[in-house]
Amino acid sequence: MTVYLVKKKKNRIYKSEDLVPLVLENEGLEGLSLVHGPSGEPLLVRDGEEKLPCPIRISVSDTKNWWAAVVSDCSDIGLDIEEVSRNVKDGVTKKLHSLEKEYLDGLAVGSAEWTSEFFSIWTRKEAYSKFCGAGLAMGFKKFSVLNRVLEYEETVSCSGRPEGLLTSLALPYGLAGSLCTQPSEGTTDIYVQELVFDGKAPVPALSAAMDMLSVKSVSAAELSAKLQKKGYTEEEANAAAKELANRGYIDDEAYASRQAVLSARSGKAERLIRQELLRKGLSGEDINSAIESLKEESGESEYDRAYAQALKILPLPEEDEEKPDEKKLAKLGRRLSALGYTPGIIYSILDKYR
């Protein structure tokens, strides 16, 4: 028997309707669909027979960062996993059976041992309630997974419910888990297999991309990077950026020219402007075109731009004023260097002040 695990990615939606087909494919099962029973429990039906559950059973468990499922071809089954790192809410032990509360009361609340034992008890109870097809509505106080000497029971039962065989799962990634099957099956070998699934975006990447562009103009590469940070896959992000470029909402060449002009107005050197455009993901061709256009339109040389910026930082003294000292000139030189100007241009400008 295989327990399947799926790690959830940030800002993605993971629904059993999308994940169960992946599990069935790995199990080699065809012609089955997922429906939900009266208590919300997952059921498999043969295609075209939605009201007739088939003998193959499935149980799923969902946490903040993980989704899990297991399939049985012969009986009811219950699976539960929990992230041991999650916070246990105050008062949650009030939902447990008196024997379970007594057992936990003998441990230091909040300790690693208490947490481990709490989740061991909780996943067993969840697994059994799912096995019974009842879920949390079954009432956790009605049955105990511990016997009167406070030891874990292999089998558990509840009035009016079938007996179930409980098995603790050895799960990676700081997960606790339990599986409940029919006692007649005995303990079987259980394997854990991780499946890769990207999930679905809350909104289409194209819609999210258009919202971004309504706030600020960006290059195609910047847009793709922003979308990926929000959880969209690289494929989704690149496709959205390409579509908006095809529609004319993104024009990297025009964007590069605008950014080059803005940078030049703030006194930056060509070298720094090129670096900034490269960081925005613009192509060498668009960058070269932007720089050439800037030179033609402004008519300024690198020296002219540097000198104009120097005068803004430190105006030249009048004839009757004292020349700036070397400390001020050194500060001016550092400012010009930060703007990307070469030492040759900087020294020439400082000589003017001297």
Protein backbone atom coordinates (compact mmCIF):
# COMPACT_ATOMS: atom_id res chain seq x y z
CA MET A 1 0.00 0.00 0.00
CA THR A 2 1.33 3.43 -0.94
CA VAL A 3 0.77 6.74 0.82
CA TYR A 4 1.16 9.60 -1.66
CA LEU A 5 2.45 13.01 -0.52
CA VAL A 6 2.27 16.32 -2.40
CA LYS A 7 4.19 19.37 -1.16
CA LYS A 8 2.17 22.53 -1.65
CA LYS A 9 3.81 25.56 -3.19
CA LYS A 10 3.23 29.07 -1.95
CA ASN A 11 0.22 30.94 -3.36
CA ARG A 12 -1.09 27.89 -5.23
CA ILE A 13 -4.41 26.09 -4.85
CA TYR A 14 -4.47 22.34 -4.26
CA LYS A 15 -7.80 20.55 -4.61
CA SER A 16 -8.43 16.84 -4.28
CA GLU A 17 -10.35 16.95 -7.58
CA ASP A 18 -7.06 17.84 -9.31
CA LEU A 19 -4.79 15.59 -7.25
CA VAL A 20 -6.77 12.35 -7.05
CA PRO A 21 -6.45 11.67 -10.82
CA LEU A 22 -2.67 11.86 -10.37
CA VAL A 23 -2.85 9.28 -7.57
CA LEU A 24 -5.12 7.00 -9.63
CA GLU A 25 -2.72 7.23 -12.57
CA ASN A 26 0.16 6.11 -10.33
CA GLU A 27 -2.00 3.25 -9.06
CA GLY A 28 -2.77 2.20 -12.64
CA LEU A 29 -6.51 2.75 -12.13
CA GLU A 30 -8.63 4.04 -15.01
CA GLY A 31 -12.26 5.03 -15.47
CA LEU A 32 -12.72 6.37 -11.93
CA SER A 33 -13.85 9.77 -10.69
CA LEU A 34 -13.93 11.48 -7.30
CA VAL A 35 -17.21 12.43 -5.60
CA HIS A 36 -18.05 13.29 -2.00
CA GLY A 37 -20.31 11.33 0.33
CA PRO A 38 -22.96 12.61 2.78
CA SER A 39 -20.33 13.62 5.38
CA GLY A 40 -18.02 15.12 2.77
CA GLU A 41 -15.85 11.99 2.66
CA PRO A 42 -14.11 11.29 -0.68
CA LEU A 43 -15.54 8.41 -2.71
CA LEU A 44 -14.49 6.87 -5.99
CA VAL A 45 -17.12 6.00 -8.58
CA ARG A 46 -16.84 4.44 -11.97
CA ASP A 47 -17.38 6.93 -14.79
CA GLY A 48 -21.05 7.16 -15.63
CA GLU A 49 -22.13 5.66 -12.29
CA GLU A 50 -21.92 8.66 -9.97
CA LYS A 51 -24.40 7.25 -7.45
CA LEU A 52 -22.71 3.86 -7.20
CA PRO A 53 -19.42 3.90 -5.24
CA CYS A 54 -17.02 1.27 -6.49
CA PRO A 55 -15.17 -1.19 -4.19
CA ILE A 56 -11.97 0.84 -4.47
CA ARG A 57 -11.66 3.21 -1.51
CA ILE A 58 -9.65 6.39 -1.10
CA SER A 59 -8.79 8.55 1.90
CA VAL A 60 -7.17 11.98 1.75
CA SER A 61 -5.63 14.32 4.31
CA ASP A 62 -4.90 18.01 3.87
CA THR A 63 -2.63 20.30 5.94
CA LYS A 64 -1.31 23.81 5.37
CA ASN A 65 1.74 22.62 3.41
CA TRP A 66 0.96 19.01 2.46
CA TRP A 67 -1.71 16.87 0.83
CA ALA A 68 -1.79 13.10 1.16
CA ALA A 69 -3.86 10.21 -0.12
CA VAL A 70 -4.01 6.43 0.00
CA VAL A 71 -6.05 3.96 -2.06
CA SER A 72 -7.35 0.52 -1.03
CA ASP A 73 -8.86 -1.96 -3.45
CA CYS A 74 -10.68 -4.08 -0.89
CA SER A 75 -12.01 -2.14 2.13
CA ASP A 76 -12.68 1.12 3.90
CA ILE A 77 -9.59 3.08 4.83
CA GLY A 78 -8.71 6.18 6.83
CA LEU A 79 -5.61 8.37 6.54
CA ASP A 80 -4.53 11.41 8.51
CA ILE A 81 -1.32 13.45 8.50
CA GLU A 82 -0.38 16.48 10.57
CA GLU A 83 2.56 18.88 10.59
CA VAL A 84 4.26 18.50 13.95
CA SER A 85 5.53 22.08 13.74
CA ARG A 86 2.02 23.54 13.77
CA ASN A 87 0.75 25.25 16.92
CA VAL A 88 -1.64 23.23 19.06
CA LYS A 89 -4.48 25.52 20.12
CA ASP A 90 -5.26 25.93 23.79
CA GLY A 91 -8.10 23.72 24.93
CA VAL A 92 -7.89 21.31 22.00
CA THR A 93 -7.26 18.42 24.43
CA LYS A 94 -10.80 18.96 25.76
CA LYS A 95 -11.98 17.19 22.61
CA LEU A 96 -10.10 14.01 23.55
CA HIS A 97 -11.19 10.97 25.54
CA SER A 98 -10.49 11.07 29.29
CA LEU A 99 -7.82 8.34 28.98
CA GLU A 100 -5.98 10.35 26.32
CA LYS A 101 -6.14 13.53 28.40
CA GLU A 102 -4.83 11.61 31.41
CA TYR A 103 -1.89 10.34 29.35
CA LEU A 104 -0.97 13.81 28.05
CA ASP A 105 -1.37 15.35 31.51
CA GLY A 106 1.56 13.19 32.60
CA LEU A 107 3.86 14.99 30.13
CA ALA A 108 5.25 18.52 30.14
CA VAL A 109 2.80 20.57 28.08
CA GLY A 110 4.46 22.03 25.00
CA SER A 111 7.53 19.80 25.23
CA ALA A 112 8.75 17.86 22.20
CA GLU A 113 7.50 14.64 23.79
CA TRP A 114 4.05 16.10 24.56
CA THR A 115 3.73 17.43 21.00
CA SER A 116 4.81 14.14 19.46
CA GLU A 117 2.36 12.15 21.57
CA PHE A 118 -0.47 14.61 20.99
CA PHE A 119 -0.16 14.28 17.20
CA SER A 120 0.21 10.51 17.50
CA ILE A 121 -3.12 10.39 19.34
CA TRP A 122 -4.78 12.96 17.09
CA THR A 123 -3.83 11.34 13.77
CA ARG A 124 -5.00 7.94 15.07
CA LYS A 125 -8.38 9.38 16.01
CA GLU A 126 -8.73 11.23 12.70
CA ALA A 127 -7.72 8.13 10.74
CA TYR A 128 -10.30 5.98 12.56
CA SER A 129 -13.09 8.56 12.13
CA LYS A 130 -12.35 8.70 8.40
CA PHE A 131 -12.29 4.91 8.28
CA CYS A 132 -15.81 5.02 9.74
CA GLY A 133 -16.84 7.59 7.12
CA ALA A 134 -17.83 10.10 9.80
CA GLY A 135 -15.00 12.62 10.14
CA LEU A 136 -14.88 15.01 13.10
CA ALA A 137 -18.68 14.83 13.48
CA MET A 138 -18.17 11.39 15.01
CA GLY A 139 -17.14 12.93 18.34
CA PHE A 140 -13.59 12.32 19.56
CA LYS A 141 -14.62 11.92 23.21
CA LYS A 142 -16.59 8.77 22.40
CA PHE A 143 -13.58 6.53 21.81
CA SER A 144 -9.96 6.22 22.91
CA VAL A 145 -6.88 5.04 21.03
CA LEU A 146 -5.30 4.19 24.41
CA ASN A 147 -6.29 1.35 26.72
CA ARG A 148 -6.84 1.59 30.47
CA VAL A 149 -3.12 1.24 31.20
CA LEU A 150 -2.50 4.17 28.83
CA GLU A 151 -0.88 2.18 26.04
CA TYR A 152 -1.68 2.54 22.35
CA GLU A 153 -4.20 0.01 21.09
CA GLU A 154 -3.63 -1.70 17.74
CA THR A 155 -7.37 -1.87 17.18
CA VAL A 156 -9.96 0.72 18.12
CA SER A 157 -13.73 0.71 18.14
CA CYS A 158 -16.65 2.95 19.03
CA SER A 159 -20.27 2.10 19.82
CA GLY A 160 -22.16 1.44 16.62
CA ARG A 161 -18.99 1.69 14.51
CA PRO A 162 -16.76 -0.96 12.91
CA GLU A 163 -13.48 -2.00 14.49
CA GLY A 164 -10.36 -0.55 12.87
CA LEU A 165 -6.68 -1.49 12.80
CA LEU A 166 -4.36 1.48 13.41
CA THR A 167 -0.85 1.80 11.99
CA SER A 168 1.57 4.65 12.66
CA LEU A 169 3.26 5.98 9.53
CA ALA A 170 6.97 6.74 9.25
CA LEU A 171 6.73 10.00 7.32
CA PRO A 172 9.48 12.48 6.35
CA TYR A 173 9.44 16.30 6.51
CA GLY A 174 8.33 16.52 10.15
CA LEU A 175 4.96 14.92 9.48
CA ALA A 176 3.02 12.67 11.82
CA GLY A 177 0.55 10.22 10.31
CA SER A 178 -1.69 7.25 10.95
CA LEU A 179 -3.56 4.77 8.78
CA CYS A 180 -6.69 2.82 9.71
CA THR A 181 -7.73 -0.36 7.89
CA GLN A 182 -9.90 -3.40 8.58
CA PRO A 183 -8.38 -5.76 11.18
CA SER A 184 -8.93 -8.72 8.85
CA GLU A 185 -6.35 -7.28 6.46
CA GLY A 186 -3.59 -7.33 9.06
CA THR A 187 -0.57 -5.05 8.89
CA THR A 188 0.66 -4.60 5.32
CA ASP A 189 3.84 -3.02 3.97
CA ILE A 190 3.32 0.72 3.59
CA TYR A 191 5.39 2.82 1.21
CA VAL A 192 5.59 6.60 0.92
CA GLN A 193 5.84 8.25 -2.49
CA GLU A 194 6.11 11.98 -3.11
CA LEU A 195 4.32 13.34 -6.17
CA VAL A 196 5.09 16.66 -7.86
CA PHE A 197 2.15 18.90 -8.67
CA ASP A 198 2.30 22.68 -9.23
CA GLY A 199 -1.24 23.35 -8.08
CA LYS A 200 -3.38 26.03 -9.63
CA ALA A 201 -3.13 29.80 -9.44
CA PRO A 202 -5.86 31.72 -7.56
CA VAL A 203 -6.34 33.86 -10.68
CA PRO A 204 -4.96 33.33 -14.21
CA ALA A 205 -1.41 34.58 -14.69
CA LEU A 206 -2.58 36.86 -17.51
CA SER A 207 -5.06 38.66 -15.22
CA ALA A 208 -2.42 39.08 -12.51
CA ALA A 209 0.04 40.40 -15.10
CA MET A 210 -2.41 43.01 -16.38
CA ASP A 211 -3.05 44.17 -12.81
CA MET A 212 0.69 44.64 -12.34
CA LEU A 213 1.05 46.64 -15.53
CA SER A 214 -1.82 48.92 -14.49
CA VAL A 215 0.33 50.03 -11.54
CA LYS A 216 3.81 50.23 -13.07
CA SER A 217 5.49 49.67 -16.42
CA VAL A 218 8.03 46.85 -16.43
CA SER A 219 9.99 44.81 -18.93
CA ALA A 220 8.82 41.38 -20.01
CA ALA A 221 11.53 39.74 -17.89
CA GLU A 222 10.62 41.83 -14.83
CA LEU A 223 6.96 40.95 -15.24
CA SER A 224 7.75 37.24 -15.46
CA ALA A 225 9.96 37.43 -12.36
CA LYS A 226 7.24 39.25 -10.39
CA LEU A 227 4.67 36.65 -11.37
CA GLN A 228 6.96 33.81 -10.31
CA LYS A 229 7.48 35.47 -6.92
CA LYS A 230 3.70 35.40 -6.50
CA GLY A 231 3.68 31.64 -7.03
CA TYR A 232 3.08 31.29 -10.78
CA THR A 233 5.23 28.76 -12.57
CA GLU A 234 7.95 29.90 -14.93
CA GLU A 235 5.93 28.57 -17.86
CA GLU A 236 2.77 30.46 -16.78
CA ALA A 237 4.69 33.66 -16.11
CA ASN A 238 6.59 33.63 -19.41
CA ALA A 239 3.42 32.83 -21.36
CA ALA A 240 1.59 35.78 -19.77
CA ALA A 241 4.47 38.17 -20.48
CA LYS A 242 4.71 36.98 -24.08
CA GLU A 243 0.95 37.36 -24.61
CA LEU A 244 0.98 40.95 -23.29
CA ALA A 245 3.98 41.74 -25.48
CA ASN A 246 2.08 40.39 -28.50
CA ARG A 247 -0.87 42.61 -27.57
CA GLY A 248 1.39 45.64 -27.34
CA TYR A 249 1.05 46.14 -23.58
CA ILE A 250 4.78 45.49 -23.16
CA ASP A 251 7.41 47.05 -25.44
CA ASP A 252 10.90 46.31 -24.16
CA GLU A 253 12.59 48.60 -26.69
CA ALA A 254 10.46 51.62 -25.76
CA TYR A 255 10.74 50.75 -22.06
CA ALA A 256 14.54 50.61 -22.30
CA SER A 257 14.62 54.05 -23.96
CA ARG A 258 12.39 55.59 -21.26
CA GLN A 259 14.46 54.12 -18.46
CA ALA A 260 17.70 55.30 -20.09
CA VAL A 261 16.36 58.88 -20.32
CA LEU A 262 15.21 58.87 -16.69
CA SER A 263 18.57 57.54 -15.52
CA ALA A 264 20.46 60.08 -17.56
CA ARG A 265 18.36 62.92 -16.10
CA SER A 266 19.39 61.79 -12.63
CA GLY A 267 23.03 62.19 -13.71
CA LYS A 268 24.00 58.54 -14.15
CA ALA A 269 26.81 57.48 -16.44
CA GLU A 270 26.33 55.22 -19.44
CA ARG A 271 28.03 52.33 -17.65
CA LEU A 272 25.58 52.50 -14.75
CA ILE A 273 22.60 52.93 -17.08
CA ARG A 274 23.62 49.76 -18.92
CA GLN A 275 23.91 47.83 -15.65
CA GLU A 276 20.46 48.95 -14.53
CA LEU A 277 18.87 47.97 -17.85
CA LEU A 278 20.56 44.58 -17.72
CA ARG A 279 19.13 43.99 -14.23
CA LYS A 280 15.68 44.68 -15.64
CA GLY A 281 16.16 41.72 -17.96
CA LEU A 282 16.39 43.75 -21.17
CA SER A 283 18.27 42.36 -24.14
CA GLY A 284 21.62 43.69 -25.30
CA GLU A 285 19.99 44.82 -28.53
CA ASP A 286 17.33 46.90 -26.72
CA ILE A 287 19.97 48.36 -24.37
CA ASN A 288 22.28 49.39 -27.22
CA SER A 289 19.36 50.96 -29.07
CA ALA A 290 18.34 52.89 -25.95
CA ILE A 291 21.87 54.20 -25.35
CA GLU A 292 22.31 55.29 -28.97
CA SER A 293 18.93 57.02 -28.93
CA LEU A 294 19.89 58.80 -25.71
CA LYS A 295 23.11 60.11 -27.22
CA GLU A 296 21.36 61.37 -30.34
CA GLU A 297 18.52 63.10 -28.48
CA SER A 298 20.51 64.69 -25.66
CA GLY A 299 23.66 65.60 -27.60
CA GLU A 300 25.52 65.30 -24.29
CA SER A 301 28.85 63.60 -23.82
CA GLU A 302 29.66 61.61 -20.72
CA TYR A 303 31.83 64.50 -19.53
CA ASP A 304 29.01 67.03 -20.04
CA ARG A 305 26.59 64.95 -17.99
CA ALA A 306 29.12 64.35 -15.23
CA TYR A 307 30.05 68.02 -15.03
CA ALA A 308 26.40 69.11 -14.89
CA GLN A 309 25.82 66.64 -12.05
CA ALA A 310 28.96 67.86 -10.23
CA LEU A 311 27.68 71.45 -10.31
CA LYS A 312 24.43 70.31 -8.71
CA ILE A 313 26.34 68.57 -5.95
CA LEU A 314 29.00 71.24 -5.38
CA PRO A 315 28.58 74.58 -7.18
CA LEU A 316 31.78 76.26 -8.39
CA PRO A 317 32.93 79.04 -6.04
CA GLU A 318 32.70 82.64 -7.11
CA GLU A 319 35.94 84.57 -7.71
CA ASP A 320 35.93 86.05 -4.22
CA GLU A 321 35.04 82.73 -2.56
CA GLU A 322 37.39 80.12 -1.21
CA LYS A 323 38.03 77.06 -3.33
CA PRO A 324 36.61 73.82 -1.91
CA ASP A 325 39.09 71.90 0.20
CA GLU A 326 40.33 68.41 -0.68
CA LYS A 327 37.87 66.81 1.71
CA LYS A 328 34.90 68.25 -0.21
CA LEU A 329 36.49 67.34 -3.52
CA ALA A 330 37.06 63.77 -2.37
CA LYS A 331 33.38 63.57 -1.39
CA LEU A 332 32.38 64.92 -4.81
CA GLY A 333 34.62 62.34 -6.48
CA ARG A 334 32.96 59.52 -4.55
CA ARG A 335 29.49 60.76 -5.54
CA LEU A 336 30.46 60.86 -9.22
CA SER A 337 32.04 57.41 -8.96
CA ALA A 338 28.79 56.06 -7.47
CA LEU A 339 26.99 57.42 -10.54
CA GLY A 340 29.24 55.26 -12.71
CA TYR A 341 31.72 57.79 -14.13
CA THR A 342 35.26 56.75 -14.97
CA PRO A 343 38.27 57.99 -12.98
CA GLY A 344 39.50 59.99 -16.01
CA ILE A 345 36.30 62.05 -16.20
CA ILE A 346 36.19 62.49 -12.42
CA TYR A 347 39.80 63.76 -12.20
CA SER A 348 39.20 66.23 -15.05
CA ILE A 349 36.20 67.70 -13.25
CA LEU A 350 37.99 67.91 -9.91
CA ASP A 351 40.84 69.79 -11.62
CA LYS A 352 38.30 72.45 -12.67
CA TYR A 353 37.45 73.02 -9.01
CA ARG A 354 41.07 73.21 -8.06
